[in-house]
Amino acid sequence: MSFAALLTQTATTWPPETPDGHDMPAGSPAPFSCRWQDKVERAVDAAGREYVSRAIIYTTDELPVDSWVSRQLTVVADPADAGAYRVRTSERSQDPGNGIVVWKATAG
């Protein structure tokens, strides 16, 4: 069984856009396949700031830090209106044997 076959859920992401000095604007919503795990825990982002992680997301698509994600499939333009979480960490892992790339992101 391939890793992609295990990604049975569809969620929504809003990629980050260039900051406007006040906030981090979000791009257009796009669906992606994933394995979403609701998990609440204290975590630390790349800048060393502590936050509460609300989800761990596994996917074959990169979820950049500062993008937004929602467990729901939606076309809502504003991620805040969709109850989305900001991606705080994104890690890439690759199996050297067969080249499978897995992304693990935390959001909160």
Protein backbone atom coordinates (compact mmCIF):
# COMPACT_ATOMS: atom_id res chain seq x y z
CA MET A 1 0.00 0.00 0.00
CA SER A 2 1.31 3.44 -0.88
CA PHE A 3 1.49 6.30 1.59
CA ALA A 4 -0.80 8.40 -0.61
CA ALA A 5 -3.52 5.72 -0.25
CA LEU A 6 -3.52 6.37 3.52
CA LEU A 7 -4.43 10.03 2.99
CA THR A 8 -8.18 9.51 3.03
CA GLN A 9 -9.25 12.94 4.27
CA THR A 10 -9.61 16.15 2.30
CA ALA A 11 -8.88 19.47 3.99
CA THR A 12 -8.40 23.07 2.83
CA THR A 13 -5.29 25.23 2.85
CA TRP A 14 -4.78 28.94 2.26
CA PRO A 15 -1.15 29.66 1.27
CA PRO A 16 0.55 32.67 2.85
CA GLU A 17 0.96 35.81 0.78
CA THR A 18 3.35 38.73 1.23
CA PRO A 19 2.75 40.46 4.58
CA ASP A 20 1.15 43.89 4.31
CA GLY A 21 2.68 45.24 7.54
CA HIS A 22 -0.40 44.53 9.62
CA ASP A 23 -1.19 40.87 9.10
CA MET A 24 -0.21 37.81 7.07
CA PRO A 25 -2.76 37.75 4.22
CA ALA A 26 -3.92 34.40 2.91
CA GLY A 27 -4.21 33.24 -0.69
CA SER A 28 -7.13 31.44 -2.28
CA PRO A 29 -8.39 28.26 -0.60
CA ALA A 30 -7.27 24.96 -2.14
CA PRO A 31 -8.17 21.35 -1.24
CA PHE A 32 -5.50 18.79 -0.38
CA SER A 33 -5.42 15.13 0.69
CA CYS A 34 -4.20 14.42 4.19
CA ARG A 35 -4.39 12.49 7.42
CA TRP A 36 -5.61 14.98 10.03
CA GLN A 37 -5.04 14.24 13.70
CA ASP A 38 -6.71 16.45 16.32
CA LYS A 39 -4.12 16.81 19.05
CA VAL A 40 -3.89 19.58 21.63
CA GLU A 41 -0.45 20.08 23.14
CA ARG A 42 2.03 22.79 23.98
CA ALA A 43 4.63 23.27 21.27
CA VAL A 44 7.37 25.66 20.17
CA ASP A 45 7.56 27.20 16.69
CA ALA A 46 10.71 27.83 14.64
CA ALA A 47 11.18 31.25 16.28
CA GLY A 48 11.11 29.70 19.76
CA ARG A 49 7.64 31.00 20.67
CA GLU A 50 5.40 28.71 22.66
CA TYR A 51 1.89 28.04 21.35
CA VAL A 52 -0.89 25.48 21.66
CA SER A 53 -0.92 23.04 18.76
CA ARG A 54 -4.44 21.94 17.75
CA ALA A 55 -3.66 19.53 14.92
CA ILE A 56 -1.01 17.40 13.28
CA ILE A 57 -1.40 17.01 9.54
CA TYR A 58 0.35 14.41 7.36
CA THR A 59 0.36 14.96 3.60
CA THR A 60 2.38 14.61 0.42
CA ASP A 61 1.94 18.36 -0.22
CA GLU A 62 4.11 20.94 1.52
CA LEU A 63 2.15 23.11 3.95
CA PRO A 64 4.32 26.23 4.36
CA VAL A 65 4.69 27.87 7.75
CA ASP A 66 2.17 30.74 8.09
CA SER A 67 -0.32 29.12 5.72
CA TRP A 68 -3.77 28.31 7.10
CA VAL A 69 -5.50 24.92 7.25
CA SER A 70 -9.03 23.75 7.97
CA ARG A 71 -10.18 20.19 8.45
CA GLN A 72 -13.27 21.06 6.42
CA LEU A 73 -13.41 21.24 2.65
CA THR A 74 -14.47 24.83 2.01
CA VAL A 75 -14.30 27.67 -0.51
CA VAL A 76 -14.58 30.43 2.13
CA ALA A 77 -12.08 33.18 1.17
CA ASP A 78 -11.13 34.20 4.73
CA PRO A 79 -9.55 31.37 6.77
CA ALA A 80 -10.72 33.02 10.02
CA ASP A 81 -14.33 32.61 8.86
CA ALA A 82 -13.64 28.90 8.26
CA GLY A 83 -12.20 28.34 11.75
CA ALA A 84 -8.79 27.57 10.25
CA TYR A 85 -5.54 27.17 12.17
CA ARG A 86 -2.19 28.71 11.22
CA VAL A 87 0.58 26.26 10.27
CA ARG A 88 3.39 26.73 12.81
CA THR A 89 5.85 23.99 11.79
CA SER A 90 6.37 21.99 8.62
CA GLU A 91 8.79 19.08 8.39
CA ARG A 92 9.83 17.04 5.35
CA SER A 93 10.77 13.38 5.56
CA GLN A 94 11.80 11.12 2.71
CA ASP A 95 12.21 7.38 2.64
CA PRO A 96 15.59 6.77 0.94
CA GLY A 97 14.48 3.34 -0.32
CA ASN A 98 11.60 4.35 -2.56
CA GLY A 99 11.59 8.13 -2.46
CA ILE A 100 8.27 8.66 -0.68
CA VAL A 101 8.08 12.24 0.60
CA VAL A 102 5.93 12.88 3.67
CA TRP A 103 5.17 16.29 5.15
CA LYS A 104 4.17 16.67 8.80
CA ALA A 105 2.76 20.01 9.85
CA THR A 106 1.50 21.27 13.20
CA ALA A 107 -1.16 23.94 13.34
CA GLY A 108 -2.66 25.99 16.12
